[in-house]
Amino acid sequence: MSEKITLLESKLLNAEREVLELRSLTAGKPQVAFSAALRESGSGDIGPFNTNTPLKYEKVFSNTGNGYNPSTGIFTALVSGTYFFRFSMHNSHVANSVVCLKKNTELLVCVWDVAQSDVNDMGSNAVVIALQVGDNVYVELQATRKVYDDAGHYNTFTGFLLFAA
């Protein structure tokens, strides 16, 4: 039993040293940033759906702090503070796209493009907003609309903490 206690004490000391080292690397400041694209692979339209639907950005380029969940498409704030978010939208063939950035259920900003004489349109939008721990931010494809993506990763969702509260 004494040997096990000594071993556990040693592991605890090592873990404490690692935590101190990580804190010194980040100067004690939380680091939160993510960037993702809509498709991991393949190409084609996503949508239309009968109801407004959060887009699931499957190709994760970075997810420092693990606030972004590619299974749901939702970023959840683990740190209260001021954040920057940006998203892009692309459509092809028949333009019929409306995507909106939402905080919890609050509509923040949208990008849209509807059928005209052109094809292959893109748009983007961005916000700086305050979040509390547990707030959710996501991009929502509006009902009966669609977006197009392929290996070019035209549809992206990015966010990062500017400063903690």
N, C-alpha and C. Protein backbone atom coordinates (compact mmCIF):
# COMPACT_ATOMS: atom_id res chain seq x y z
N MET A 1 0.82 -1.18 0.00
CA MET A 1 0.00 0.00 0.00
C MET A 1 0.87 1.26 0.00
N SER A 2 1.94 1.21 0.73
CA SER A 2 2.86 2.34 0.82
C SER A 2 3.47 2.66 -0.55
N GLU A 3 3.80 1.60 -1.30
CA GLU A 3 4.37 1.81 -2.64
C GLU A 3 3.35 2.48 -3.57
N LYS A 4 2.09 2.06 -3.46
CA LYS A 4 1.05 2.66 -4.30
C LYS A 4 0.85 4.13 -3.97
N ILE A 5 0.88 4.48 -2.70
CA ILE A 5 0.73 5.87 -2.28
C ILE A 5 1.89 6.70 -2.81
N THR A 6 3.10 6.16 -2.71
CA THR A 6 4.28 6.86 -3.21
C THR A 6 4.18 7.08 -4.72
N LEU A 7 3.72 6.05 -5.44
CA LEU A 7 3.56 6.15 -6.89
C LEU A 7 2.51 7.21 -7.23
N LEU A 8 1.38 7.20 -6.54
CA LEU A 8 0.33 8.19 -6.79
C LEU A 8 0.80 9.60 -6.46
N GLU A 9 1.57 9.76 -5.40
CA GLU A 9 2.11 11.08 -5.06
C GLU A 9 3.03 11.58 -6.16
N SER A 10 3.84 10.67 -6.69
CA SER A 10 4.75 11.03 -7.77
C SER A 10 3.98 11.46 -9.02
N LYS A 11 2.93 10.71 -9.36
CA LYS A 11 2.11 11.06 -10.52
C LYS A 11 1.42 12.41 -10.32
N LEU A 12 0.94 12.66 -9.12
CA LEU A 12 0.29 13.93 -8.81
C LEU A 12 1.26 15.09 -8.96
N LEU A 13 2.48 14.93 -8.45
CA LEU A 13 3.49 15.99 -8.58
C LEU A 13 3.81 16.26 -10.06
N ASN A 14 3.93 15.19 -10.85
CA ASN A 14 4.20 15.35 -12.28
C ASN A 14 3.06 16.09 -12.97
N ALA A 15 1.80 15.74 -12.63
CA ALA A 15 0.64 16.41 -13.22
C ALA A 15 0.63 17.88 -12.83
N GLU A 16 0.94 18.20 -11.58
CA GLU A 16 0.99 19.59 -11.15
C GLU A 16 2.06 20.37 -11.90
N ARG A 17 3.21 19.75 -12.14
CA ARG A 17 4.27 20.41 -12.91
C ARG A 17 3.81 20.69 -14.34
N GLU A 18 3.12 19.71 -14.95
CA GLU A 18 2.63 19.89 -16.31
C GLU A 18 1.60 21.02 -16.39
N VAL A 19 0.72 21.10 -15.40
CA VAL A 19 -0.27 22.18 -15.37
C VAL A 19 0.43 23.53 -15.26
N LEU A 20 1.42 23.63 -14.40
CA LEU A 20 2.17 24.89 -14.26
C LEU A 20 2.89 25.26 -15.55
N GLU A 21 3.44 24.24 -16.21
CA GLU A 21 4.13 24.49 -17.48
C GLU A 21 3.15 24.99 -18.54
N LEU A 22 1.98 24.36 -18.63
CA LEU A 22 0.97 24.80 -19.60
C LEU A 22 0.49 26.21 -19.30
N ARG A 23 0.31 26.52 -18.02
CA ARG A 23 -0.11 27.89 -17.65
C ARG A 23 0.94 28.91 -18.05
N SER A 24 2.22 28.55 -17.88
CA SER A 24 3.27 29.50 -18.24
C SER A 24 3.31 29.72 -19.76
N LEU A 25 2.99 28.67 -20.53
CA LEU A 25 2.98 28.81 -21.98
C LEU A 25 1.86 29.72 -22.45
N THR A 26 0.73 29.69 -21.78
CA THR A 26 -0.42 30.51 -22.19
C THR A 26 -0.53 31.77 -21.35
N ALA A 27 0.42 32.01 -20.46
CA ALA A 27 0.42 33.16 -19.55
C ALA A 27 -0.86 33.19 -18.73
N GLY A 28 -1.41 32.00 -18.45
CA GLY A 28 -2.61 31.91 -17.63
C GLY A 28 -3.87 32.35 -18.34
N LYS A 29 -3.79 32.65 -19.63
CA LYS A 29 -4.95 33.11 -20.38
C LYS A 29 -5.59 31.93 -21.12
N PRO A 30 -6.92 31.84 -21.07
CA PRO A 30 -7.56 30.74 -21.80
C PRO A 30 -7.38 30.91 -23.30
N GLN A 31 -7.25 29.79 -23.98
CA GLN A 31 -7.10 29.80 -25.43
C GLN A 31 -8.26 29.04 -26.05
N VAL A 32 -9.04 29.73 -26.86
CA VAL A 32 -10.21 29.15 -27.50
C VAL A 32 -10.23 29.59 -28.95
N ALA A 33 -10.21 28.63 -29.88
CA ALA A 33 -10.27 28.94 -31.31
C ALA A 33 -10.66 27.68 -32.06
N PHE A 34 -11.47 27.85 -33.10
CA PHE A 34 -11.81 26.72 -33.95
C PHE A 34 -12.03 27.20 -35.37
N SER A 35 -11.87 26.29 -36.30
CA SER A 35 -12.16 26.56 -37.70
C SER A 35 -12.53 25.24 -38.35
N ALA A 36 -13.63 25.26 -39.11
CA ALA A 36 -14.12 24.02 -39.72
C ALA A 36 -14.78 24.33 -41.06
N ALA A 37 -14.79 23.31 -41.93
CA ALA A 37 -15.46 23.40 -43.22
C ALA A 37 -16.61 22.39 -43.25
N LEU A 38 -17.55 22.63 -44.11
CA LEU A 38 -18.78 21.86 -44.12
C LEU A 38 -18.59 20.37 -44.41
N ARG A 39 -17.84 20.04 -45.42
CA ARG A 39 -17.69 18.63 -45.81
C ARG A 39 -16.30 18.09 -45.48
N GLU A 40 -16.28 16.90 -44.93
CA GLU A 40 -15.02 16.18 -44.73
C GLU A 40 -14.52 15.69 -46.10
N SER A 41 -15.45 15.20 -46.92
CA SER A 41 -15.11 14.71 -48.26
C SER A 41 -16.38 14.73 -49.12
N GLY A 42 -16.20 14.48 -50.39
CA GLY A 42 -17.34 14.45 -51.30
C GLY A 42 -17.75 15.83 -51.76
N SER A 43 -18.86 15.85 -52.52
CA SER A 43 -19.37 17.12 -53.02
C SER A 43 -20.87 17.02 -53.22
N GLY A 44 -21.49 18.18 -53.28
CA GLY A 44 -22.93 18.23 -53.54
C GLY A 44 -23.64 19.20 -52.62
N ASP A 45 -24.96 19.26 -52.82
CA ASP A 45 -25.80 20.15 -52.02
C ASP A 45 -26.04 19.55 -50.64
N ILE A 46 -26.21 20.44 -49.68
CA ILE A 46 -26.70 20.08 -48.36
C ILE A 46 -28.01 20.83 -48.20
N GLY A 47 -29.07 20.11 -47.94
CA GLY A 47 -30.41 20.66 -47.91
C GLY A 47 -31.07 20.37 -49.24
N PRO A 48 -32.30 20.81 -49.43
CA PRO A 48 -33.09 21.57 -48.47
C PRO A 48 -33.71 20.68 -47.39
N PHE A 49 -34.03 21.31 -46.25
CA PHE A 49 -34.71 20.64 -45.15
C PHE A 49 -36.06 21.34 -44.91
N ASN A 50 -36.96 20.66 -44.26
CA ASN A 50 -38.29 21.22 -44.00
C ASN A 50 -38.27 22.29 -42.91
N THR A 51 -37.26 22.25 -42.04
CA THR A 51 -37.15 23.22 -40.95
C THR A 51 -35.76 23.82 -40.94
N ASN A 52 -35.59 24.93 -40.25
CA ASN A 52 -34.26 25.51 -40.08
C ASN A 52 -33.39 24.47 -39.40
N THR A 53 -32.16 24.28 -39.90
CA THR A 53 -31.30 23.20 -39.44
C THR A 53 -29.87 23.68 -39.23
N PRO A 54 -29.30 23.45 -38.03
CA PRO A 54 -27.88 23.79 -37.83
C PRO A 54 -27.00 23.00 -38.81
N LEU A 55 -26.06 23.69 -39.43
CA LEU A 55 -25.12 23.02 -40.32
C LEU A 55 -24.02 22.36 -39.49
N LYS A 56 -23.65 21.15 -39.88
CA LYS A 56 -22.59 20.41 -39.19
C LYS A 56 -21.32 20.50 -40.02
N TYR A 57 -20.39 21.30 -39.54
CA TYR A 57 -19.11 21.49 -40.23
C TYR A 57 -18.19 20.35 -39.80
N GLU A 58 -18.01 19.38 -40.71
CA GLU A 58 -17.35 18.11 -40.37
C GLU A 58 -15.83 18.16 -40.46
N LYS A 59 -15.28 18.97 -41.36
CA LYS A 59 -13.83 19.03 -41.57
C LYS A 59 -13.25 20.05 -40.59
N VAL A 60 -12.73 19.57 -39.47
CA VAL A 60 -12.22 20.46 -38.43
C VAL A 60 -10.74 20.73 -38.69
N PHE A 61 -10.42 22.00 -38.91
CA PHE A 61 -9.03 22.40 -39.11
C PHE A 61 -8.32 22.61 -37.78
N SER A 62 -9.04 23.19 -36.83
CA SER A 62 -8.49 23.38 -35.48
C SER A 62 -9.65 23.48 -34.50
N ASN A 63 -9.38 23.10 -33.25
CA ASN A 63 -10.41 23.15 -32.22
C ASN A 63 -9.74 23.30 -30.85
N THR A 64 -8.97 24.36 -30.70
CA THR A 64 -8.28 24.62 -29.44
C THR A 64 -9.30 24.94 -28.36
N GLY A 65 -9.27 24.19 -27.29
CA GLY A 65 -10.22 24.36 -26.21
C GLY A 65 -11.42 23.43 -26.33
N ASN A 66 -11.57 22.77 -27.48
CA ASN A 66 -12.64 21.79 -27.73
C ASN A 66 -14.04 22.34 -27.52
N GLY A 67 -14.26 23.59 -27.88
CA GLY A 67 -15.59 24.18 -27.76
C GLY A 67 -16.50 23.86 -28.92
N TYR A 68 -15.93 23.49 -30.08
CA TYR A 68 -16.73 23.19 -31.25
C TYR A 68 -17.02 21.69 -31.32
N ASN A 69 -18.27 21.33 -31.60
CA ASN A 69 -18.67 19.92 -31.72
C ASN A 69 -19.08 19.65 -33.16
N PRO A 70 -18.26 18.91 -33.95
CA PRO A 70 -18.59 18.65 -35.35
C PRO A 70 -19.81 17.73 -35.52
N SER A 71 -20.19 17.01 -34.49
CA SER A 71 -21.37 16.14 -34.58
C SER A 71 -22.66 16.93 -34.58
N THR A 72 -22.63 18.12 -33.97
CA THR A 72 -23.83 18.96 -33.89
C THR A 72 -23.70 20.26 -34.68
N GLY A 73 -22.46 20.69 -34.97
CA GLY A 73 -22.23 21.97 -35.62
C GLY A 73 -22.29 23.15 -34.66
N ILE A 74 -22.29 22.86 -33.37
CA ILE A 74 -22.49 23.90 -32.36
C ILE A 74 -21.20 24.18 -31.59
N PHE A 75 -20.88 25.47 -31.44
CA PHE A 75 -19.80 25.90 -30.56
C PHE A 75 -20.43 26.26 -29.22
N THR A 76 -19.85 25.73 -28.13
CA THR A 76 -20.32 26.04 -26.78
C THR A 76 -19.20 26.75 -26.04
N ALA A 77 -19.49 27.93 -25.52
CA ALA A 77 -18.49 28.72 -24.79
C ALA A 77 -18.15 28.02 -23.48
N LEU A 78 -16.88 27.77 -23.28
CA LEU A 78 -16.38 27.20 -22.03
C LEU A 78 -15.73 28.29 -21.19
N VAL A 79 -15.60 29.48 -21.79
CA VAL A 79 -15.00 30.63 -21.12
C VAL A 79 -15.87 31.85 -21.43
N SER A 80 -16.24 32.61 -20.43
CA SER A 80 -16.98 33.85 -20.67
C SER A 80 -16.03 34.89 -21.25
N GLY A 81 -16.51 35.65 -22.23
CA GLY A 81 -15.67 36.68 -22.82
C GLY A 81 -16.24 37.20 -24.11
N THR A 82 -15.41 37.92 -24.85
CA THR A 82 -15.78 38.49 -26.13
C THR A 82 -15.16 37.64 -27.24
N TYR A 83 -15.99 37.24 -28.18
CA TYR A 83 -15.59 36.31 -29.24
C TYR A 83 -15.80 36.93 -30.62
N PHE A 84 -15.02 36.44 -31.59
CA PHE A 84 -15.19 36.77 -33.00
C PHE A 84 -15.66 35.50 -33.70
N PHE A 85 -16.71 35.63 -34.54
CA PHE A 85 -17.19 34.51 -35.36
C PHE A 85 -17.34 34.98 -36.79
N ARG A 86 -17.00 34.08 -37.71
CA ARG A 86 -17.16 34.33 -39.14
C ARG A 86 -17.66 33.06 -39.80
N PHE A 87 -18.53 33.22 -40.80
CA PHE A 87 -18.98 32.06 -41.56
C PHE A 87 -19.09 32.46 -43.02
N SER A 88 -18.96 31.48 -43.89
CA SER A 88 -19.10 31.72 -45.32
C SER A 88 -20.14 30.76 -45.89
N MET A 89 -20.72 31.15 -47.01
CA MET A 89 -21.75 30.36 -47.67
C MET A 89 -21.47 30.33 -49.16
N HIS A 90 -21.67 29.17 -49.77
CA HIS A 90 -21.49 29.02 -51.21
C HIS A 90 -22.65 28.21 -51.76
N ASN A 91 -23.12 28.62 -52.93
CA ASN A 91 -24.11 27.80 -53.62
C ASN A 91 -23.70 27.65 -55.07
N SER A 92 -24.29 26.67 -55.71
CA SER A 92 -23.93 26.36 -57.08
C SER A 92 -25.17 25.89 -57.83
N HIS A 93 -25.13 26.01 -59.11
CA HIS A 93 -26.18 25.54 -60.01
C HIS A 93 -27.43 26.41 -59.88
N VAL A 94 -28.25 26.22 -58.87
CA VAL A 94 -29.44 27.03 -58.65
C VAL A 94 -29.28 27.74 -57.31
N ALA A 95 -29.11 29.04 -57.34
CA ALA A 95 -28.90 29.80 -56.11
C ALA A 95 -30.19 29.84 -55.30
N ASN A 96 -30.13 29.31 -54.11
CA ASN A 96 -31.30 29.31 -53.23
C ASN A 96 -30.79 29.10 -51.80
N SER A 97 -29.96 30.01 -51.32
CA SER A 97 -29.30 29.82 -50.03
C SER A 97 -29.60 30.96 -49.07
N VAL A 98 -29.87 30.58 -47.82
CA VAL A 98 -29.96 31.53 -46.72
C VAL A 98 -29.39 30.83 -45.50
N VAL A 99 -28.30 31.37 -44.96
CA VAL A 99 -27.71 30.83 -43.74
C VAL A 99 -27.56 31.96 -42.73
N CYS A 100 -27.79 31.62 -41.46
CA CYS A 100 -27.78 32.63 -40.40
C CYS A 100 -26.95 32.16 -39.23
N LEU A 101 -26.27 33.08 -38.60
CA LEU A 101 -25.52 32.81 -37.38
C LEU A 101 -26.44 33.09 -36.20
N LYS A 102 -26.47 32.14 -35.26
CA LYS A 102 -27.35 32.29 -34.11
C LYS A 102 -26.57 32.10 -32.81
N LYS A 103 -26.98 32.85 -31.81
CA LYS A 103 -26.46 32.70 -30.44
C LYS A 103 -27.62 32.16 -29.63
N ASN A 104 -27.49 30.95 -29.14
CA ASN A 104 -28.59 30.25 -28.49
C ASN A 104 -29.75 30.23 -29.49
N THR A 105 -30.83 30.93 -29.28
CA THR A 105 -31.90 30.99 -30.28
C THR A 105 -32.01 32.37 -30.93
N GLU A 106 -31.11 33.28 -30.56
CA GLU A 106 -31.14 34.65 -31.07
C GLU A 106 -30.48 34.75 -32.44
N LEU A 107 -31.19 35.31 -33.40
CA LEU A 107 -30.66 35.55 -34.72
C LEU A 107 -29.65 36.70 -34.65
N LEU A 108 -28.44 36.47 -35.16
CA LEU A 108 -27.41 37.51 -35.17
C LEU A 108 -27.28 38.15 -36.55
N VAL A 109 -26.79 37.39 -37.53
CA VAL A 109 -26.59 37.90 -38.89
C VAL A 109 -26.85 36.78 -39.89
N CYS A 110 -27.14 37.16 -41.13
CA CYS A 110 -27.41 36.18 -42.19
C CYS A 110 -26.65 36.52 -43.46
N VAL A 111 -26.58 35.55 -44.35
CA VAL A 111 -26.09 35.72 -45.71
C VAL A 111 -27.09 34.99 -46.61
N TRP A 112 -27.44 35.60 -47.72
CA TRP A 112 -28.40 34.94 -48.60
C TRP A 112 -28.08 35.22 -50.06
N ASP A 113 -28.57 34.33 -50.91
CA ASP A 113 -28.49 34.51 -52.35
C ASP A 113 -29.61 33.70 -52.97
N VAL A 114 -30.40 34.31 -53.81
CA VAL A 114 -31.50 33.61 -54.46
C VAL A 114 -31.29 33.64 -55.97
N ALA A 115 -32.04 32.80 -56.65
CA ALA A 115 -31.84 32.57 -58.08
C ALA A 115 -31.93 33.85 -58.90
N GLN A 116 -30.92 34.04 -59.70
CA GLN A 116 -30.87 35.12 -60.69
C GLN A 116 -30.29 34.50 -61.96
N SER A 117 -29.58 35.26 -62.73
CA SER A 117 -29.01 34.73 -63.97
C SER A 117 -27.62 34.14 -63.77
N ASP A 118 -27.07 34.27 -62.56
CA ASP A 118 -25.72 33.76 -62.33
C ASP A 118 -25.76 32.50 -61.46
N VAL A 119 -24.61 31.85 -61.34
CA VAL A 119 -24.46 30.67 -60.49
C VAL A 119 -23.15 30.79 -59.72
N ASN A 120 -22.91 29.88 -58.81
CA ASN A 120 -21.67 29.83 -58.05
C ASN A 120 -21.41 31.12 -57.28
N ASP A 121 -22.30 31.45 -56.39
CA ASP A 121 -22.16 32.65 -55.59
C ASP A 121 -21.65 32.32 -54.19
N MET A 122 -20.98 33.30 -53.59
CA MET A 122 -20.49 33.17 -52.22
C MET A 122 -20.82 34.43 -51.45
N GLY A 123 -20.87 34.26 -50.12
CA GLY A 123 -21.05 35.39 -49.23
C GLY A 123 -20.50 35.03 -47.87
N SER A 124 -20.26 36.03 -47.05
CA SER A 124 -19.79 35.77 -45.70
C SER A 124 -20.27 36.89 -44.78
N ASN A 125 -20.20 36.62 -43.49
CA ASN A 125 -20.57 37.62 -42.50
C ASN A 125 -19.79 37.32 -41.24
N ALA A 126 -19.73 38.28 -40.33
CA ALA A 126 -18.96 38.11 -39.09
C ALA A 126 -19.54 38.97 -37.99
N VAL A 127 -19.29 38.58 -36.75
CA VAL A 127 -19.73 39.36 -35.59
C VAL A 127 -18.68 39.26 -34.49
N VAL A 128 -18.71 40.24 -33.60
CA VAL A 128 -17.99 40.20 -32.33
C VAL A 128 -19.07 40.28 -31.26
N ILE A 129 -19.14 39.26 -30.41
CA ILE A 129 -20.20 39.19 -29.41
C ILE A 129 -19.67 38.72 -28.06
N ALA A 130 -20.40 39.08 -27.02
CA ALA A 130 -20.09 38.61 -25.67
C ALA A 130 -20.82 37.29 -25.43
N LEU A 131 -20.11 36.33 -24.85
CA LEU A 131 -20.71 35.05 -24.50
C LEU A 131 -20.45 34.74 -23.04
N GLN A 132 -21.39 34.04 -22.45
CA GLN A 132 -21.23 33.50 -21.10
C GLN A 132 -20.98 32.00 -21.22
N VAL A 133 -20.38 31.41 -20.21
CA VAL A 133 -20.16 29.96 -20.21
C VAL A 133 -21.49 29.27 -20.49
N GLY A 134 -21.48 28.35 -21.45
CA GLY A 134 -22.68 27.59 -21.80
C GLY A 134 -23.45 28.14 -22.98
N ASP A 135 -23.16 29.38 -23.42
CA ASP A 135 -23.84 29.92 -24.60
C ASP A 135 -23.44 29.11 -25.83
N ASN A 136 -24.37 28.96 -26.76
CA ASN A 136 -24.14 28.22 -28.00
C ASN A 136 -24.17 29.16 -29.19
N VAL A 137 -23.29 28.91 -30.15
CA VAL A 137 -23.26 29.67 -31.40
C VAL A 137 -23.19 28.65 -32.53
N TYR A 138 -24.01 28.87 -33.56
CA TYR A 138 -24.04 27.93 -34.67
C TYR A 138 -24.56 28.62 -35.93
N VAL A 139 -24.32 27.98 -37.07
CA VAL A 139 -24.81 28.47 -38.35
C VAL A 139 -26.01 27.61 -38.73
N GLU A 140 -27.09 28.28 -39.10
CA GLU A 140 -28.34 27.57 -39.38
C GLU A 140 -28.73 27.76 -40.84
N LEU A 141 -28.95 26.66 -41.53
CA LEU A 141 -29.48 26.69 -42.89
C LEU A 141 -30.99 26.84 -42.78
N GLN A 142 -31.52 27.85 -43.44
CA GLN A 142 -32.96 28.12 -43.34
C GLN A 142 -33.76 27.09 -44.14
N ALA A 143 -34.98 26.85 -43.69
CA ALA A 143 -35.87 25.86 -44.31
C ALA A 143 -36.00 26.10 -45.81
N THR A 144 -36.04 25.03 -46.56
CA THR A 144 -36.21 24.98 -48.03
C THR A 144 -35.02 25.55 -48.79
N ARG A 145 -33.91 25.82 -48.11
CA ARG A 145 -32.71 26.37 -48.76
C ARG A 145 -31.62 25.31 -48.78
N LYS A 146 -30.55 25.59 -49.54
CA LYS A 146 -29.44 24.65 -49.62
C LYS A 146 -28.13 25.39 -49.85
N VAL A 147 -27.04 24.69 -49.57
CA VAL A 147 -25.70 25.18 -49.87
C VAL A 147 -24.95 24.07 -50.59
N TYR A 148 -23.90 24.43 -51.27
CA TYR A 148 -23.09 23.46 -52.01
C TYR A 148 -21.66 23.50 -51.46
N ASP A 149 -21.06 22.32 -51.35
CA ASP A 149 -19.66 22.27 -50.93
C ASP A 149 -18.96 21.09 -51.59
N ASP A 150 -17.65 21.20 -51.70
CA ASP A 150 -16.82 20.12 -52.21
C ASP A 150 -15.43 20.25 -51.59
N ALA A 151 -14.43 19.66 -52.20
CA ALA A 151 -13.07 19.66 -51.64
C ALA A 151 -12.47 21.06 -51.52
N GLY A 152 -13.08 22.06 -52.15
CA GLY A 152 -12.61 23.44 -52.03
C GLY A 152 -12.97 24.07 -50.70
N HIS A 153 -13.86 23.43 -49.95
CA HIS A 153 -14.28 23.90 -48.62
C HIS A 153 -14.72 25.37 -48.65
N TYR A 154 -15.75 25.64 -49.41
CA TYR A 154 -16.26 27.01 -49.57
C TYR A 154 -17.07 27.49 -48.37
N ASN A 155 -17.69 26.56 -47.66
CA ASN A 155 -18.53 26.89 -46.51
C ASN A 155 -17.72 26.64 -45.24
N THR A 156 -17.41 27.70 -44.52
CA THR A 156 -16.59 27.57 -43.32
C THR A 156 -17.25 28.27 -42.14
N PHE A 157 -16.84 27.86 -40.96
CA PHE A 157 -17.33 28.43 -39.70
C PHE A 157 -16.12 28.52 -38.78
N THR A 158 -15.82 29.74 -38.33
CA THR A 158 -14.63 30.00 -37.54
C THR A 158 -14.99 30.89 -36.35
N GLY A 159 -14.35 30.64 -35.22
CA GLY A 159 -14.55 31.49 -34.07
C GLY A 159 -13.37 31.43 -33.13
N PHE A 160 -13.18 32.52 -32.40
CA PHE A 160 -12.10 32.52 -31.39
C PHE A 160 -12.38 33.55 -30.32
N LEU A 161 -11.81 33.31 -29.16
CA LEU A 161 -11.92 34.20 -28.00
C LEU A 161 -10.97 35.37 -28.22
N LEU A 162 -11.51 36.58 -28.19
CA LEU A 162 -10.66 37.77 -28.26
C LEU A 162 -10.05 38.07 -26.89
N PHE A 163 -10.90 38.10 -25.86
CA PHE A 163 -10.42 38.27 -24.49
C PHE A 163 -11.47 37.76 -23.52
N ALA A 164 -11.00 37.19 -22.43
CA ALA A 164 -11.88 36.63 -21.41
C ALA A 164 -12.50 37.75 -20.57
N ALA A 165 -13.68 37.45 -20.04
CA ALA A 165 -14.39 38.44 -19.20
C ALA A 165 -13.76 38.51 -17.84
